[in-house]
Protein backbone atom coordinates (compact mmCIF):
# COMPACT_ATOMS: atom_id res chain seq x y z
CA MET A 1 77.17 43.36 61.77
CA TRP A 2 73.94 43.35 63.76
CA THR A 3 75.77 42.07 66.79
CA PHE A 4 78.11 45.03 66.54
CA LEU A 5 75.21 47.52 66.14
CA ALA A 6 73.36 46.02 69.12
CA ALA A 7 76.48 46.33 71.28
CA ALA A 8 77.06 49.90 70.15
CA PHE A 9 73.41 50.73 70.88
CA SER A 10 73.76 49.20 74.38
CA VAL A 11 76.80 51.40 75.05
CA LEU A 12 74.84 54.51 73.92
CA LEU A 13 71.94 53.61 76.14
CA ALA A 14 74.29 53.10 79.09
CA PHE A 15 75.95 56.47 78.40
CA PHE A 16 72.78 58.54 78.08
CA PHE A 17 70.65 56.87 80.78
CA GLY A 18 73.19 55.21 83.06
CA PRO A 19 75.09 56.62 86.05
CA PHE A 20 77.96 57.80 83.88
CA ALA A 21 75.61 60.00 81.80
CA LYS A 22 74.09 61.50 84.89
CA GLU A 23 77.51 62.27 86.37
CA SER A 24 78.67 63.79 83.04
CA LEU A 25 75.58 65.95 82.80
CA GLY A 26 75.58 66.91 86.44
CA LEU A 27 72.35 65.00 87.13
CA THR A 28 73.62 62.80 89.90
CA SER A 29 71.48 63.19 93.02
CA ARG A 30 73.30 64.77 95.92
CA PRO A 31 72.44 63.78 99.49
CA LYS A 32 70.23 66.40 100.98
CA GLU A 33 71.47 68.33 103.97
CA PRO A 34 69.28 67.79 107.05
CA PRO A 35 67.06 70.78 107.86
CA ARG A 36 68.56 73.28 110.24
CA PRO A 37 67.18 72.85 113.80
CA TYR A 38 66.36 76.55 114.11
CA HIS A 39 64.90 79.55 112.30
CA VAL A 40 65.36 83.35 112.49
CA VAL A 41 62.37 85.34 113.76
CA ASP A 42 61.57 88.81 114.99
CA ILE A 43 61.86 89.05 118.77
CA PRO A 44 60.31 92.11 120.51
CA GLY A 45 62.99 94.34 121.96
CA LYS A 46 65.82 92.49 120.29
CA GLY A 47 65.21 92.67 116.58
CA LYS A 48 66.10 89.24 115.08
CA GLY A 49 66.79 86.11 117.03
CA VAL A 50 67.28 82.33 116.57
CA ILE A 51 64.68 79.96 117.85
CA ALA A 52 65.04 76.19 118.00
CA THR A 53 62.53 74.35 115.79
CA ARG A 54 63.09 71.03 117.58
CA ASP A 55 64.82 69.75 120.68
CA ILE A 56 68.62 70.16 120.37
CA THR A 57 71.02 67.92 122.25
CA ARG A 58 74.10 69.04 124.09
CA GLY A 59 77.15 69.11 121.82
CA GLU A 60 75.12 69.25 118.58
CA LEU A 61 76.67 71.27 115.74
CA LEU A 62 74.47 74.26 114.89
CA TYR A 63 76.54 76.39 112.54
CA ASN A 64 79.51 75.74 110.27
CA GLU A 65 79.98 79.06 108.47
CA SER A 66 82.70 80.74 106.45
CA PRO A 67 83.11 84.51 106.77
CA LEU A 68 82.06 86.90 104.05
CA PHE A 69 85.47 88.51 104.64
CA ILE A 70 88.05 89.03 107.38
CA VAL A 71 89.44 92.49 108.33
CA PRO A 72 92.23 93.51 110.70
CA SER A 73 91.05 93.69 114.27
CA GLN A 74 91.95 97.45 114.46
CA SER A 75 89.18 98.35 111.95
CA GLY A 76 88.01 101.07 114.39
CA SER A 77 91.28 103.03 113.81
CA SER A 78 91.51 105.90 111.37
CA ILE A 79 94.24 104.14 109.44
CA LEU A 80 94.82 100.45 108.97
CA VAL A 81 98.28 99.01 108.46
CA LEU A 82 98.07 95.85 106.34
CA LEU A 83 100.84 93.33 105.74
CA VAL A 84 100.82 92.47 102.08
CA ASP A 85 102.89 89.60 100.56
CA ILE A 86 104.89 90.41 97.45
CA PRO A 87 105.73 86.99 95.87
CA GLU A 88 107.98 88.52 93.19
CA ALA A 89 110.22 89.99 95.81
CA ASN A 90 109.81 87.15 98.28
CA GLN A 91 108.96 89.52 101.03
CA SER A 92 106.14 91.44 102.72
CA ALA A 93 105.35 95.16 102.86
CA SER A 94 103.14 97.25 105.08
CA VAL A 95 100.37 99.30 103.37
CA SER A 96 98.36 101.98 105.04
CA ILE A 97 94.65 102.28 104.05
CA PRO A 98 91.57 103.96 105.59
CA PRO A 99 89.03 101.40 106.88
CA ALA A 100 86.25 102.64 104.63
CA GLU A 101 88.43 102.30 101.55
CA LEU A 102 89.28 98.74 102.61
CA MET A 103 85.60 97.99 103.03
CA GLY A 104 84.82 99.48 99.61
CA ASN A 105 87.36 97.08 98.04
CA LEU A 106 85.90 94.10 100.00
CA LEU A 107 82.40 94.92 98.84
CA GLN A 108 83.51 94.55 95.24
CA THR A 109 84.46 90.91 95.91
CA LEU A 110 81.06 89.94 97.20
CA SER A 111 78.23 88.44 95.16
CA GLU A 112 74.78 89.99 94.98
CA ASN A 113 73.49 87.53 97.63
CA GLU A 114 76.46 88.05 99.89
CA ARG A 115 76.00 91.84 99.76
CA ALA A 116 72.32 91.38 100.59
CA ALA A 117 73.18 89.19 103.59
CA LEU A 118 75.72 91.73 104.80
CA PHE A 119 73.46 94.77 104.51
CA ASN A 120 70.64 92.92 106.14
CA LEU A 121 72.59 92.98 109.45
CA SER A 122 72.13 95.73 111.99
CA PHE A 123 74.66 98.26 113.12
CA VAL A 124 75.06 100.68 116.03
CA ARG A 125 76.26 104.00 114.60
CA LEU A 126 77.41 105.74 111.48
CA PRO A 127 79.80 108.70 111.15
CA PRO A 128 78.00 112.00 111.81
CA ASN A 129 76.83 113.98 108.79
CA LEU A 130 77.05 110.92 106.54
CA SER A 131 74.62 111.18 103.63
CA LYS A 132 73.16 108.47 101.35
CA ASP A 133 74.50 110.57 98.50
CA ASP A 134 78.11 110.27 99.67
CA PRO A 135 80.21 108.05 97.38
CA ASP A 136 81.49 105.97 100.24
CA TYR A 137 78.11 105.55 101.92
CA ASP A 138 77.90 101.78 101.33
CA ALA A 139 81.45 101.32 102.53
CA GLN A 140 80.73 103.28 105.75
CA VAL A 141 77.61 101.21 106.38
CA ALA A 142 79.56 97.99 105.76
CA LEU A 143 82.22 99.19 108.16
CA ALA A 144 79.63 99.97 110.89
CA ILE A 145 78.07 96.52 110.28
CA THR A 146 81.51 94.90 110.68
CA GLN A 147 82.24 96.78 113.84
CA THR A 148 78.89 95.72 115.30
CA ASN A 149 78.76 92.09 114.20
CA GLY A 150 82.38 91.10 113.69
CA ILE A 151 83.71 87.96 115.47
CA ALA A 152 87.38 87.20 116.10
CA ALA A 153 88.46 84.82 113.39
CA GLY A 154 91.97 83.61 114.33
CA ILE A 155 95.17 85.53 113.73
CA ARG A 156 93.92 87.35 110.62
CA GLY A 157 91.45 89.54 112.40
CA VAL A 158 87.65 89.84 112.58
CA GLY A 159 85.14 88.08 110.31
CA VAL A 160 81.54 88.73 109.41
CA PHE A 161 79.23 85.72 109.61
CA PRO A 162 75.69 86.69 108.55
CA ASN A 163 73.96 83.62 110.00
CA ILE A 164 75.88 83.31 113.29
CA SER A 165 75.36 87.04 113.85
CA ARG A 166 71.66 86.43 114.26
CA MET A 167 72.22 84.85 117.67
CA ASN A 168 71.59 87.25 120.55
CA HIS A 169 73.70 87.51 123.70
CA GLY A 170 72.79 85.65 126.84
CA CYS A 171 74.25 86.19 130.36
CA SER A 172 76.29 83.56 132.06
CA SER A 173 73.17 81.59 133.11
CA ALA A 174 71.22 82.01 129.92
CA PHE A 175 73.50 81.34 126.90
CA ASN A 176 73.30 77.82 125.58
CA ALA A 177 75.63 77.81 122.58
CA VAL A 178 79.30 78.79 122.00
CA TYR A 179 81.28 79.47 118.84
CA SER A 180 84.88 78.69 118.05
CA TRP A 181 87.15 79.42 115.04
CA ARG A 182 88.71 76.54 113.10
CA GLU A 183 91.89 77.91 111.62
CA GLY A 184 92.52 74.92 109.30
CA GLU A 185 89.05 75.10 107.75
CA GLN A 186 88.77 78.90 108.00
CA LYS A 187 85.30 78.47 109.43
CA MET A 188 83.34 79.37 112.54
CA VAL A 189 81.44 76.56 114.22
CA VAL A 190 78.74 76.81 116.89
CA HIS A 191 77.82 73.97 119.26
CA ALA A 192 75.11 73.66 121.82
CA ILE A 193 76.62 73.45 125.33
CA LYS A 194 73.35 72.33 126.98
CA PRO A 195 70.03 70.78 125.84
CA ILE A 196 67.82 73.31 124.08
CA LYS A 197 64.08 72.85 123.96
CA GLN A 198 61.94 73.43 120.83
CA GLY A 199 60.77 77.05 120.82
CA GLN A 200 63.67 78.21 123.05
CA GLU A 201 65.94 80.99 121.92
CA ILE A 202 69.47 80.00 121.00
CA LEU A 203 71.82 82.38 122.77
CA THR A 204 75.58 82.79 122.80
CA ALA A 205 78.07 84.91 124.82
CA TYR A 206 79.45 88.02 123.08
CA PHE A 207 82.22 88.40 125.68
CA ASP A 208 84.00 86.46 128.36
CA THR A 209 81.40 85.65 131.05
CA ARG A 210 84.21 85.07 133.52
CA ARG A 211 84.78 88.88 133.76
CA PRO A 212 83.93 90.53 137.06
CA ARG A 213 80.20 91.20 137.45
CA GLN A 214 80.61 94.99 137.41
CA GLU A 215 82.57 94.88 134.17
CA ARG A 216 79.98 92.57 132.57
CA ARG A 217 77.22 95.10 133.54
CA LEU A 218 79.06 97.93 131.91
CA VAL A 219 79.45 95.86 128.73
CA ARG A 220 75.78 95.06 128.67
CA LYS A 221 74.79 98.69 129.35
CA TYR A 222 77.02 100.43 126.81
CA VAL A 223 77.94 97.81 124.23
CA LEU A 224 74.99 95.40 123.97
CA PRO A 225 71.79 97.46 124.54
CA GLY A 226 68.76 95.43 123.43
CA HIS A 227 70.79 92.29 122.51
CA TRP A 228 71.06 90.34 125.74
CA SER A 229 68.89 88.27 128.04
């Protein structure tokens, strides 16, 4: 009898204080992610920017980020044509929707923290005569943010990446990091393409730096004011 009770008590101790108990109660320790080798700071004349907090080696992974959402690349049009799957009919159908209405629907899918991250990004312009009292004000601001910060995310369109968007543009001799879309993972990754010293700004290229010089100058002048080095 006492042997049985002792054995049962041992089992209870193992359950409540052993690894199985921690796993069941969600108390198992998870390996800590290494600290990011950069931080976001205010940079005069540029707004926000990303500064290396330690020396970064060539090829090092800097970002591995999922988009808040992906919108069709023609989001600057007055009407978007979306291809929607209809499983019941085993076919697809095209649906027309104004961009602001699409953004309003997407905003409803975001958490409070995701909305805060989105609205913390900068934008270039809003529709004229737009008032904060307008019912679609948030949707219009979200649309402007997307048009300013969106990055091509595979065949689906343009994605918004709040962390990656903090990187400023650098000309062909200045940028030291590049991003690429991983279709299988549905994530954007950023790697250093050259050694980056502690305290140096991490810069990327917002457009193809192999374009003719005159075309690159026009892009910097009219598209990227205050966001390039």
